[in-house]
Each structure stands twice: as C-alpha cells, then as structure tokens.
N, C-alpha and C. Protein backbone atom coordinates (compact mmCIF):
# COMPACT_ATOMS: atom_id res chain seq x y z
N MET A 1 -11.04 -10.32 2.48
CA MET A 1 -12.12 -10.82 3.31
C MET A 1 -12.27 -10.00 4.59
N ALA A 2 -11.15 -9.64 5.22
CA ALA A 2 -11.21 -8.85 6.44
C ALA A 2 -11.87 -7.49 6.19
N ILE A 3 -11.62 -6.94 5.02
CA ILE A 3 -12.21 -5.64 4.69
C ILE A 3 -13.72 -5.76 4.59
N GLU A 4 -14.20 -6.84 3.97
CA GLU A 4 -15.65 -7.06 3.88
C GLU A 4 -16.26 -7.21 5.28
N MET A 5 -15.54 -7.86 6.18
CA MET A 5 -16.02 -8.03 7.55
C MET A 5 -16.14 -6.67 8.25
N LEU A 6 -15.15 -5.79 8.03
CA LEU A 6 -15.20 -4.46 8.62
C LEU A 6 -16.39 -3.69 8.07
N ILE A 7 -16.59 -3.73 6.79
CA ILE A 7 -17.72 -3.02 6.17
C ILE A 7 -19.04 -3.53 6.75
N GLN A 8 -19.19 -4.85 6.86
CA GLN A 8 -20.41 -5.43 7.42
C GLN A 8 -20.61 -5.00 8.87
N SER A 9 -19.52 -4.94 9.63
CA SER A 9 -19.62 -4.52 11.03
C SER A 9 -20.06 -3.07 11.14
N ILE A 10 -19.49 -2.21 10.33
CA ILE A 10 -19.88 -0.79 10.35
C ILE A 10 -21.36 -0.66 9.96
N GLU A 11 -21.78 -1.37 8.93
CA GLU A 11 -23.19 -1.34 8.52
C GLU A 11 -24.08 -1.79 9.67
N ARG A 12 -23.69 -2.86 10.37
CA ARG A 12 -24.49 -3.39 11.48
C ARG A 12 -24.59 -2.36 12.61
N LEU A 13 -23.50 -1.68 12.92
CA LEU A 13 -23.53 -0.66 13.98
C LEU A 13 -24.52 0.44 13.63
N TRP A 14 -24.43 0.96 12.41
CA TRP A 14 -25.35 2.03 12.01
C TRP A 14 -26.80 1.54 11.97
N GLN A 15 -27.01 0.27 11.62
CA GLN A 15 -28.37 -0.29 11.63
C GLN A 15 -28.91 -0.37 13.05
N GLN A 16 -28.05 -0.76 14.00
CA GLN A 16 -28.49 -0.81 15.40
C GLN A 16 -28.88 0.58 15.90
N VAL A 17 -28.09 1.57 15.55
CA VAL A 17 -28.36 2.94 15.96
C VAL A 17 -29.65 3.43 15.28
N ALA A 18 -29.84 3.07 14.03
CA ALA A 18 -31.06 3.44 13.31
C ALA A 18 -32.28 2.79 13.97
N GLY A 19 -32.12 1.55 14.42
CA GLY A 19 -33.21 0.85 15.09
C GLY A 19 -33.65 1.53 16.38
N LEU A 20 -32.77 2.33 16.96
CA LEU A 20 -33.10 3.09 18.17
C LEU A 20 -33.58 4.51 17.85
N ASN A 21 -33.75 4.79 16.54
CA ASN A 21 -34.22 6.09 16.07
C ASN A 21 -33.32 7.24 16.53
N ARG A 22 -32.02 7.02 16.48
CA ARG A 22 -31.07 8.04 16.90
C ARG A 22 -30.90 9.08 15.79
N PRO A 23 -30.91 10.36 16.14
CA PRO A 23 -30.79 11.45 15.15
C PRO A 23 -29.49 11.40 14.34
N VAL A 24 -28.43 10.80 14.88
CA VAL A 24 -27.16 10.76 14.17
C VAL A 24 -27.29 10.08 12.81
N VAL A 25 -28.22 9.15 12.69
CA VAL A 25 -28.39 8.42 11.43
C VAL A 25 -28.80 9.38 10.32
N GLU A 26 -29.72 10.28 10.62
CA GLU A 26 -30.20 11.23 9.62
C GLU A 26 -29.18 12.32 9.31
N SER A 27 -28.25 12.55 10.23
CA SER A 27 -27.28 13.62 10.01
C SER A 27 -25.91 13.10 9.55
N ARG A 28 -25.81 11.79 9.31
CA ARG A 28 -24.54 11.21 8.84
C ARG A 28 -24.19 11.79 7.48
N VAL A 29 -22.96 12.28 7.37
CA VAL A 29 -22.47 12.80 6.10
C VAL A 29 -21.87 11.62 5.33
N PRO A 30 -22.22 11.46 4.06
CA PRO A 30 -21.65 10.35 3.29
C PRO A 30 -20.12 10.38 3.32
N GLY A 31 -19.54 9.21 3.20
CA GLY A 31 -18.10 9.07 3.30
C GLY A 31 -17.34 9.65 2.12
N VAL A 32 -16.03 9.62 2.26
CA VAL A 32 -15.12 10.13 1.23
C VAL A 32 -14.30 8.96 0.69
N SER A 33 -13.68 9.17 -0.45
CA SER A 33 -12.88 8.12 -1.08
C SER A 33 -11.54 7.95 -0.36
N ALA A 34 -10.93 6.80 -0.57
CA ALA A 34 -9.61 6.52 0.01
C ALA A 34 -8.59 7.55 -0.47
N SER A 35 -8.70 7.96 -1.72
CA SER A 35 -7.74 8.96 -2.23
C SER A 35 -7.92 10.31 -1.53
N GLU A 36 -9.16 10.66 -1.16
CA GLU A 36 -9.39 11.89 -0.42
C GLU A 36 -8.78 11.80 0.99
N VAL A 37 -8.92 10.64 1.61
CA VAL A 37 -8.34 10.44 2.94
C VAL A 37 -6.82 10.62 2.86
N GLU A 38 -6.20 9.98 1.89
CA GLU A 38 -4.75 10.07 1.73
C GLU A 38 -4.31 11.49 1.40
N ALA A 39 -5.11 12.22 0.63
CA ALA A 39 -4.76 13.60 0.29
C ALA A 39 -4.77 14.48 1.53
N VAL A 40 -5.78 14.31 2.38
CA VAL A 40 -5.88 15.13 3.59
C VAL A 40 -4.77 14.76 4.57
N ILE A 41 -4.51 13.48 4.73
CA ILE A 41 -3.46 13.04 5.66
C ILE A 41 -2.07 13.26 5.07
N GLN A 42 -2.02 13.45 3.78
CA GLN A 42 -0.78 13.68 3.04
C GLN A 42 0.13 12.45 3.08
N GLY A 43 -0.49 11.32 2.80
CA GLY A 43 0.27 10.09 2.73
C GLY A 43 -0.64 8.89 2.82
N PRO A 44 -0.08 7.71 2.64
CA PRO A 44 -0.89 6.49 2.70
C PRO A 44 -1.37 6.20 4.12
N VAL A 45 -2.52 5.56 4.19
CA VAL A 45 -3.09 5.15 5.48
C VAL A 45 -3.53 3.69 5.38
N PRO A 46 -3.66 3.01 6.50
CA PRO A 46 -4.20 1.65 6.46
C PRO A 46 -5.60 1.65 5.84
N GLU A 47 -5.89 0.60 5.13
CA GLU A 47 -7.19 0.49 4.44
C GLU A 47 -8.36 0.60 5.41
N ASP A 48 -8.19 0.11 6.64
CA ASP A 48 -9.27 0.18 7.64
C ASP A 48 -9.70 1.63 7.90
N ILE A 49 -8.74 2.54 7.95
CA ILE A 49 -9.06 3.95 8.19
C ILE A 49 -9.80 4.52 6.99
N ALA A 50 -9.36 4.19 5.80
CA ALA A 50 -10.05 4.66 4.59
C ALA A 50 -11.48 4.14 4.56
N ILE A 51 -11.69 2.91 4.98
CA ILE A 51 -13.04 2.34 5.01
C ILE A 51 -13.90 3.06 6.04
N TRP A 52 -13.36 3.35 7.22
CA TRP A 52 -14.11 4.08 8.24
C TRP A 52 -14.62 5.41 7.69
N PHE A 53 -13.71 6.19 7.10
CA PHE A 53 -14.11 7.49 6.57
C PHE A 53 -14.88 7.35 5.25
N GLY A 54 -14.79 6.21 4.61
CA GLY A 54 -15.57 5.93 3.43
C GLY A 54 -17.04 5.69 3.75
N TRP A 55 -17.32 5.31 4.98
CA TRP A 55 -18.70 5.07 5.40
C TRP A 55 -19.35 6.36 5.90
N SER A 56 -18.59 7.16 6.64
CA SER A 56 -19.13 8.39 7.20
C SER A 56 -18.03 9.43 7.31
N ASN A 57 -18.33 10.61 6.83
CA ASN A 57 -17.41 11.73 6.97
C ASN A 57 -17.99 12.70 7.99
N GLY A 58 -18.28 12.16 9.16
CA GLY A 58 -18.81 12.97 10.25
C GLY A 58 -20.31 13.13 10.18
N VAL A 59 -20.79 14.16 10.85
CA VAL A 59 -22.22 14.44 10.88
C VAL A 59 -22.46 15.89 10.47
N GLU A 60 -23.62 16.10 9.91
CA GLU A 60 -24.05 17.45 9.54
C GLU A 60 -24.61 18.11 10.79
N TYR A 61 -24.17 19.31 11.06
CA TYR A 61 -24.66 20.03 12.23
C TYR A 61 -25.83 20.89 11.83
N ARG A 62 -26.89 20.82 12.65
CA ARG A 62 -28.14 21.51 12.34
C ARG A 62 -28.52 22.44 13.49
N SER A 63 -29.30 23.43 13.19
CA SER A 63 -29.79 24.36 14.20
C SER A 63 -30.56 23.60 15.28
N GLY A 64 -30.27 23.90 16.54
CA GLY A 64 -30.97 23.27 17.65
C GLY A 64 -30.43 21.91 18.04
N GLN A 65 -29.45 21.43 17.33
CA GLN A 65 -28.89 20.11 17.61
C GLN A 65 -28.08 20.16 18.91
N VAL A 66 -28.19 19.11 19.70
CA VAL A 66 -27.37 18.96 20.90
C VAL A 66 -26.39 17.82 20.66
N GLN A 67 -25.36 17.74 21.51
CA GLN A 67 -24.32 16.74 21.29
C GLN A 67 -24.91 15.33 21.21
N ASP A 68 -25.91 15.04 22.03
CA ASP A 68 -26.51 13.71 22.01
C ASP A 68 -27.07 13.36 20.63
N ASP A 69 -27.53 14.36 19.89
CA ASP A 69 -28.09 14.12 18.56
C ASP A 69 -27.03 13.61 17.58
N ALA A 70 -25.76 13.93 17.84
CA ALA A 70 -24.67 13.54 16.95
C ALA A 70 -23.93 12.30 17.43
N ALA A 71 -24.32 11.75 18.57
CA ALA A 71 -23.59 10.63 19.17
C ALA A 71 -23.89 9.30 18.46
N LEU A 72 -22.83 8.63 18.05
CA LEU A 72 -22.95 7.27 17.51
C LEU A 72 -22.92 6.27 18.65
N VAL A 73 -22.10 6.56 19.65
CA VAL A 73 -22.09 5.83 20.92
C VAL A 73 -22.17 6.92 21.99
N PRO A 74 -22.58 6.60 23.21
CA PRO A 74 -22.81 7.64 24.21
C PRO A 74 -21.64 8.62 24.36
N GLY A 75 -21.93 9.89 24.06
CA GLY A 75 -20.96 10.95 24.21
C GLY A 75 -19.98 11.12 23.07
N TYR A 76 -19.90 10.18 22.16
CA TYR A 76 -18.90 10.21 21.09
C TYR A 76 -19.56 10.29 19.72
N GLU A 77 -19.13 11.27 18.96
CA GLU A 77 -19.66 11.42 17.61
C GLU A 77 -18.61 11.04 16.58
N PRO A 78 -19.07 10.54 15.43
CA PRO A 78 -18.12 10.24 14.36
C PRO A 78 -17.55 11.54 13.81
N LEU A 79 -16.25 11.58 13.66
CA LEU A 79 -15.59 12.78 13.17
C LEU A 79 -15.53 12.81 11.65
N SER A 80 -15.57 14.02 11.12
CA SER A 80 -15.27 14.19 9.69
C SER A 80 -13.76 14.09 9.56
N LEU A 81 -13.30 13.89 8.37
CA LEU A 81 -11.87 13.83 8.12
C LEU A 81 -11.20 15.13 8.57
N ARG A 82 -11.81 16.25 8.27
CA ARG A 82 -11.26 17.55 8.67
C ARG A 82 -11.21 17.69 10.20
N GLU A 83 -12.30 17.28 10.88
CA GLU A 83 -12.32 17.33 12.34
C GLU A 83 -11.26 16.41 12.94
N ALA A 84 -11.12 15.23 12.37
CA ALA A 84 -10.12 14.27 12.86
C ALA A 84 -8.72 14.85 12.75
N MET A 85 -8.45 15.51 11.65
CA MET A 85 -7.13 16.13 11.49
C MET A 85 -6.93 17.26 12.51
N GLY A 86 -7.98 18.00 12.80
CA GLY A 86 -7.89 19.05 13.81
C GLY A 86 -7.59 18.49 15.18
N VAL A 87 -8.26 17.39 15.55
CA VAL A 87 -8.00 16.75 16.83
C VAL A 87 -6.57 16.24 16.85
N ARG A 88 -6.17 15.60 15.79
CA ARG A 88 -4.81 15.03 15.70
C ARG A 88 -3.76 16.13 15.85
N GLU A 89 -3.95 17.24 15.16
CA GLU A 89 -2.97 18.32 15.19
C GLU A 89 -2.93 19.04 16.53
N SER A 90 -4.04 19.02 17.27
CA SER A 90 -4.08 19.73 18.55
C SER A 90 -3.62 18.86 19.72
N TYR A 91 -3.47 17.57 19.50
CA TYR A 91 -3.10 16.68 20.59
C TYR A 91 -1.60 16.73 20.82
N GLU A 92 -1.22 16.56 22.08
CA GLU A 92 0.20 16.62 22.44
C GLU A 92 1.02 15.58 21.69
N ILE A 93 2.12 16.02 21.15
CA ILE A 93 3.05 15.12 20.47
C ILE A 93 3.83 14.36 21.53
N GLY A 94 4.14 13.13 21.24
CA GLY A 94 4.95 12.34 22.15
C GLY A 94 4.16 11.40 23.03
N ASP A 95 2.86 11.27 22.80
CA ASP A 95 2.08 10.31 23.57
C ASP A 95 2.63 8.92 23.27
N PRO A 96 3.04 8.17 24.29
CA PRO A 96 3.67 6.87 24.05
C PRO A 96 2.73 5.84 23.43
N VAL A 97 1.43 5.99 23.59
CA VAL A 97 0.48 5.06 22.99
C VAL A 97 0.16 5.46 21.56
N LEU A 98 -0.14 6.74 21.35
CA LEU A 98 -0.54 7.20 20.03
C LEU A 98 0.63 7.27 19.05
N GLY A 99 1.79 7.58 19.53
CA GLY A 99 2.95 7.64 18.65
C GLY A 99 2.81 8.67 17.55
N ASP A 100 3.47 8.41 16.43
CA ASP A 100 3.48 9.36 15.31
C ASP A 100 2.34 9.15 14.32
N PHE A 101 1.74 7.97 14.31
CA PHE A 101 0.73 7.64 13.31
C PHE A 101 -0.58 7.27 14.00
N PHE A 102 -1.49 8.22 14.05
CA PHE A 102 -2.82 7.92 14.60
C PHE A 102 -3.85 8.79 13.92
N MET A 103 -5.07 8.31 13.90
CA MET A 103 -6.16 9.06 13.28
C MET A 103 -7.39 8.95 14.17
N PRO A 104 -7.84 10.07 14.77
CA PRO A 104 -9.06 10.05 15.58
C PRO A 104 -10.26 9.64 14.73
N LEU A 105 -11.14 8.85 15.33
CA LEU A 105 -12.33 8.35 14.64
C LEU A 105 -13.62 8.89 15.26
N LEU A 106 -13.67 8.89 16.58
CA LEU A 106 -14.84 9.35 17.34
C LEU A 106 -14.33 10.26 18.45
N ALA A 107 -15.10 11.31 18.79
CA ALA A 107 -14.65 12.21 19.85
C ALA A 107 -15.83 12.79 20.61
N THR A 108 -15.51 13.25 21.82
CA THR A 108 -16.49 13.96 22.64
C THR A 108 -16.28 15.45 22.45
N GLY A 109 -17.22 16.22 22.91
CA GLY A 109 -17.06 17.67 22.88
C GLY A 109 -15.97 18.14 23.84
N GLY A 110 -15.61 17.29 24.80
CA GLY A 110 -14.60 17.67 25.79
C GLY A 110 -13.18 17.30 25.43
N GLY A 111 -12.99 16.64 24.28
CA GLY A 111 -11.64 16.35 23.83
C GLY A 111 -11.19 14.90 23.94
N ASP A 112 -11.97 14.04 24.56
CA ASP A 112 -11.62 12.61 24.59
C ASP A 112 -11.90 12.02 23.21
N PHE A 113 -11.14 10.99 22.83
CA PHE A 113 -11.38 10.41 21.51
C PHE A 113 -10.87 8.97 21.42
N TYR A 114 -11.43 8.27 20.44
CA TYR A 114 -10.94 6.96 20.02
C TYR A 114 -10.15 7.19 18.74
N ALA A 115 -8.98 6.57 18.66
CA ALA A 115 -8.12 6.77 17.49
C ALA A 115 -7.57 5.45 16.98
N ALA A 116 -7.47 5.35 15.67
CA ALA A 116 -6.77 4.23 15.03
C ALA A 116 -5.28 4.56 15.09
N VAL A 117 -4.50 3.64 15.65
CA VAL A 117 -3.06 3.84 15.81
C VAL A 117 -2.34 2.82 14.93
N TYR A 118 -1.45 3.32 14.10
CA TYR A 118 -0.76 2.44 13.16
C TYR A 118 0.71 2.82 13.10
N ASP A 119 1.46 2.14 12.27
CA ASP A 119 2.87 2.48 12.11
C ASP A 119 3.19 2.59 10.62
N ALA A 120 4.43 2.83 10.32
CA ALA A 120 4.84 3.05 8.93
C ALA A 120 4.56 1.85 8.03
N SER A 121 4.38 0.67 8.61
CA SER A 121 4.10 -0.52 7.79
C SER A 121 2.67 -0.53 7.26
N LEU A 122 1.81 0.34 7.83
CA LEU A 122 0.39 0.45 7.45
C LEU A 122 -0.40 -0.83 7.74
N ARG A 123 0.07 -1.60 8.71
CA ARG A 123 -0.71 -2.76 9.16
C ARG A 123 -2.05 -2.29 9.68
N SER A 124 -2.94 -3.23 9.83
CA SER A 124 -4.25 -2.93 10.40
C SER A 124 -4.06 -2.23 11.76
N PRO A 125 -4.65 -1.08 11.94
CA PRO A 125 -4.42 -0.32 13.16
C PRO A 125 -5.14 -0.88 14.39
N ARG A 126 -4.54 -0.65 15.53
CA ARG A 126 -5.19 -0.91 16.81
C ARG A 126 -5.95 0.35 17.19
N VAL A 127 -6.84 0.26 18.17
CA VAL A 127 -7.62 1.43 18.58
C VAL A 127 -7.27 1.78 20.02
N ALA A 128 -6.94 3.04 20.21
CA ALA A 128 -6.64 3.57 21.54
C ALA A 128 -7.73 4.56 21.94
N HIS A 129 -7.87 4.71 23.25
CA HIS A 129 -8.77 5.72 23.80
C HIS A 129 -7.89 6.76 24.48
N ALA A 130 -8.06 8.01 24.10
CA ALA A 130 -7.29 9.11 24.69
C ALA A 130 -8.24 10.00 25.48
N MET A 131 -7.84 10.31 26.70
CA MET A 131 -8.65 11.17 27.55
C MET A 131 -7.85 12.41 27.92
N ILE A 132 -8.46 13.56 27.75
CA ILE A 132 -7.81 14.81 28.14
C ILE A 132 -7.52 14.74 29.64
N GLY A 133 -6.29 14.97 30.00
CA GLY A 133 -5.90 14.93 31.41
C GLY A 133 -5.68 13.53 31.94
N GLY A 134 -5.83 12.53 31.08
CA GLY A 134 -5.63 11.14 31.51
C GLY A 134 -4.64 10.45 30.61
N GLU A 135 -4.44 9.19 30.86
CA GLU A 135 -3.52 8.41 30.04
C GLU A 135 -4.26 7.77 28.87
N SER A 136 -3.57 7.69 27.75
CA SER A 136 -4.10 6.97 26.60
C SER A 136 -3.84 5.49 26.82
N GLY A 137 -4.69 4.67 26.24
CA GLY A 137 -4.48 3.23 26.34
C GLY A 137 -5.16 2.50 25.20
N PHE A 138 -4.58 1.37 24.81
CA PHE A 138 -5.21 0.56 23.77
C PHE A 138 -6.43 -0.13 24.34
N VAL A 139 -7.52 -0.10 23.56
CA VAL A 139 -8.76 -0.71 24.00
C VAL A 139 -9.30 -1.75 23.02
N TYR A 140 -8.85 -1.74 21.77
CA TYR A 140 -9.30 -2.72 20.78
C TYR A 140 -8.14 -3.09 19.87
N GLU A 141 -8.14 -4.32 19.42
CA GLU A 141 -7.06 -4.80 18.55
C GLU A 141 -7.20 -4.31 17.11
N SER A 142 -8.38 -3.77 16.76
CA SER A 142 -8.61 -3.28 15.40
C SER A 142 -9.85 -2.39 15.39
N ILE A 143 -10.05 -1.68 14.28
CA ILE A 143 -11.27 -0.89 14.12
C ILE A 143 -12.48 -1.84 14.10
N GLU A 144 -12.33 -2.97 13.44
CA GLU A 144 -13.43 -3.93 13.41
C GLU A 144 -13.79 -4.40 14.81
N ALA A 145 -12.79 -4.67 15.64
CA ALA A 145 -13.06 -5.10 17.02
C ALA A 145 -13.79 -4.00 17.80
N MET A 146 -13.42 -2.74 17.57
CA MET A 146 -14.11 -1.63 18.23
C MET A 146 -15.57 -1.60 17.80
N VAL A 147 -15.80 -1.66 16.50
CA VAL A 147 -17.17 -1.60 15.98
C VAL A 147 -17.99 -2.78 16.51
N ASN A 148 -17.41 -3.98 16.48
CA ASN A 148 -18.12 -5.15 17.01
C ASN A 148 -18.38 -5.01 18.50
N GLY A 149 -17.40 -4.44 19.22
CA GLY A 149 -17.60 -4.20 20.65
C GLY A 149 -18.77 -3.26 20.90
N PHE A 150 -18.85 -2.18 20.11
CA PHE A 150 -19.96 -1.25 20.26
C PHE A 150 -21.29 -1.92 19.93
N CYS A 151 -21.30 -2.76 18.90
CA CYS A 151 -22.52 -3.50 18.56
C CYS A 151 -22.95 -4.37 19.74
N ASP A 152 -21.98 -5.04 20.35
CA ASP A 152 -22.29 -5.88 21.52
C ASP A 152 -22.80 -5.03 22.68
N PHE A 153 -22.24 -3.84 22.86
CA PHE A 153 -22.70 -2.96 23.94
C PHE A 153 -24.16 -2.56 23.73
N TYR A 154 -24.55 -2.31 22.49
CA TYR A 154 -25.96 -2.03 22.22
C TYR A 154 -26.81 -3.27 22.48
N ARG A 155 -26.33 -4.40 22.00
CA ARG A 155 -27.10 -5.65 22.13
C ARG A 155 -27.29 -6.06 23.58
N THR A 156 -26.29 -5.84 24.43
CA THR A 156 -26.35 -6.30 25.82
C THR A 156 -26.82 -5.23 26.80
N GLY A 157 -27.13 -4.04 26.30
CA GLY A 157 -27.67 -3.00 27.16
C GLY A 157 -26.63 -2.11 27.84
N VAL A 158 -25.37 -2.27 27.51
CA VAL A 158 -24.37 -1.34 28.03
C VAL A 158 -24.66 0.05 27.47
N PHE A 159 -25.03 0.13 26.21
CA PHE A 159 -25.50 1.37 25.58
C PHE A 159 -27.02 1.25 25.45
N PHE A 160 -27.72 2.31 25.82
CA PHE A 160 -29.18 2.27 25.78
C PHE A 160 -29.75 3.68 25.68
N VAL A 161 -31.01 3.78 25.30
CA VAL A 161 -31.71 5.05 25.26
C VAL A 161 -32.49 5.17 26.57
N SER A 162 -32.24 6.27 27.28
CA SER A 162 -32.88 6.48 28.59
C SER A 162 -34.36 6.84 28.42
N ASP A 163 -35.06 6.88 29.53
CA ASP A 163 -36.47 7.29 29.51
C ASP A 163 -36.64 8.72 29.01
N GLN A 164 -35.57 9.53 29.14
CA GLN A 164 -35.62 10.91 28.66
C GLN A 164 -35.25 11.00 27.17
N GLY A 165 -34.92 9.87 26.56
CA GLY A 165 -34.63 9.83 25.13
C GLY A 165 -33.19 10.10 24.77
N THR A 166 -32.30 10.15 25.75
CA THR A 166 -30.88 10.38 25.46
C THR A 166 -30.12 9.06 25.43
N LEU A 167 -29.05 9.06 24.67
CA LEU A 167 -28.19 7.88 24.57
C LEU A 167 -27.31 7.83 25.81
N GLU A 168 -27.37 6.73 26.53
CA GLU A 168 -26.66 6.58 27.79
C GLU A 168 -25.83 5.31 27.77
N ALA A 169 -25.01 5.15 28.82
CA ALA A 169 -24.19 3.95 28.95
C ALA A 169 -24.10 3.55 30.41
N ASP A 170 -23.96 2.27 30.63
CA ASP A 170 -23.57 1.76 31.94
C ASP A 170 -22.05 1.90 31.96
N ASP A 171 -21.58 3.05 32.47
CA ASP A 171 -20.17 3.40 32.38
C ASP A 171 -19.24 2.37 33.02
N ASP A 172 -19.66 1.80 34.15
CA ASP A 172 -18.81 0.82 34.82
C ASP A 172 -18.59 -0.40 33.93
N ARG A 173 -19.66 -0.89 33.33
CA ARG A 173 -19.52 -2.05 32.42
C ARG A 173 -18.70 -1.68 31.19
N TRP A 174 -18.91 -0.49 30.64
CA TRP A 174 -18.19 -0.02 29.46
C TRP A 174 -16.69 -0.02 29.73
N VAL A 175 -16.29 0.61 30.83
CA VAL A 175 -14.88 0.70 31.18
C VAL A 175 -14.30 -0.69 31.45
N GLU A 176 -15.05 -1.50 32.18
CA GLU A 176 -14.57 -2.85 32.49
C GLU A 176 -14.35 -3.68 31.24
N GLU A 177 -15.33 -3.66 30.34
CA GLU A 177 -15.21 -4.45 29.10
C GLU A 177 -14.05 -3.97 28.25
N GLU A 178 -13.90 -2.65 28.13
CA GLU A 178 -12.80 -2.13 27.32
C GLU A 178 -11.45 -2.40 27.97
N SER A 179 -11.39 -2.35 29.28
CA SER A 179 -10.10 -2.63 29.93
C SER A 179 -9.71 -4.09 29.73
N GLN A 180 -10.70 -4.97 29.69
CA GLN A 180 -10.42 -6.39 29.43
C GLN A 180 -9.97 -6.59 27.99
N SER A 181 -10.64 -5.94 27.04
CA SER A 181 -10.24 -6.11 25.64
C SER A 181 -8.92 -5.39 25.38
N GLY A 182 -8.69 -4.27 26.07
CA GLY A 182 -7.46 -3.52 25.89
C GLY A 182 -6.24 -4.28 26.37
N SER A 183 -6.43 -5.16 27.35
CA SER A 183 -5.29 -5.92 27.84
C SER A 183 -4.86 -6.99 26.84
N THR A 184 -5.74 -7.30 25.90
CA THR A 184 -5.38 -8.27 24.86
C THR A 184 -5.04 -7.60 23.55
N ALA A 185 -5.28 -6.28 23.48
CA ALA A 185 -5.02 -5.55 22.22
C ALA A 185 -3.54 -5.39 21.97
C-alpha cells in the first residue's frame, strides 16, 4: 500500500508541474526497471528508490535548454541513474548524515542535492539535503514525504512561476518548512 501511495504522489507532482507548462515534463526520460537500478548500484536498494527511478531516469538535454527548463522544483532537476551515481561517487566519503548508503535524486548545477539515505536493512529511506560547502541534514522522513512536501509547496505558492516564466521559490518559506520537517525526520 505504501508503494502505491508513493507512485500516486510522484504522479501528482509531475501533474502539478505539467499544469504549470514546465519544459521538464516534455524532457522527462522514461524510468528504468528495478533490476537496472540494482545493476548500476551493484546491489539491492530500497523499493522507494527503484520506484523513483522507475518513474523518471532524468531529463533529456536539448540544444538551447537552460537549467530552469530541466527543473522539477526550483533549481533542482531529476537525475538519471548514471548522473546520480556520478554525484554519489564524487561526494566526500564520511558525511555523518549520508553515511555509506545514499542515492542522489535531485541536484542543482552547483552540486547541491537531495538524496535518499538508507542502511543495510533496506528500510524505507529518509531524505537528506546536501549542500556543497555546507552541512548535510535530514529534511524528510521518506521519499514520499519529500514528494508530498514539494506538491504542497506548489499548492501553497512556495514554488511558483515568475512573471519572467522561470520557476522560483520563496526561499525563506522553503528553508523554514524543510527545517521543521527535518527536525521530525
């Protein structure tokens, strides 16, 4: 049942983004199978991570595209499995929040990212936010909570399309809401 809820949440997020006519919807690369995820990671992963990459394997890059065109949420684009592995492999080992088992899901061009963090038990992962030059911290209790949080941010105007047509955020509200949810994660 929880898996169905995650799938519905991911579908709702992409529908909200489509309703805003965001270019990322047209450039979404179809997802990959759970077995492909496990082959790339070279081991088992929590089902939530397989579902995330089963919905989208990043975005197709096109001539003339700017980062905003690939953003699912302001500044952050969905990563392909290959890109996620690249981010994971380039990140400093020993981060006390990320630990040994994490998988980046969304990232900025500057290196910040949201990652599913799990352990050897393969329980449902929590979501951490990692910032280059900053501290990592848990911001959501699950991938589903992250997706639902983003849906709420669109619904309540924390995420919005500016008069110039770019995807923007009320950064103060975004940080505040995530810090509140992160304290319970």
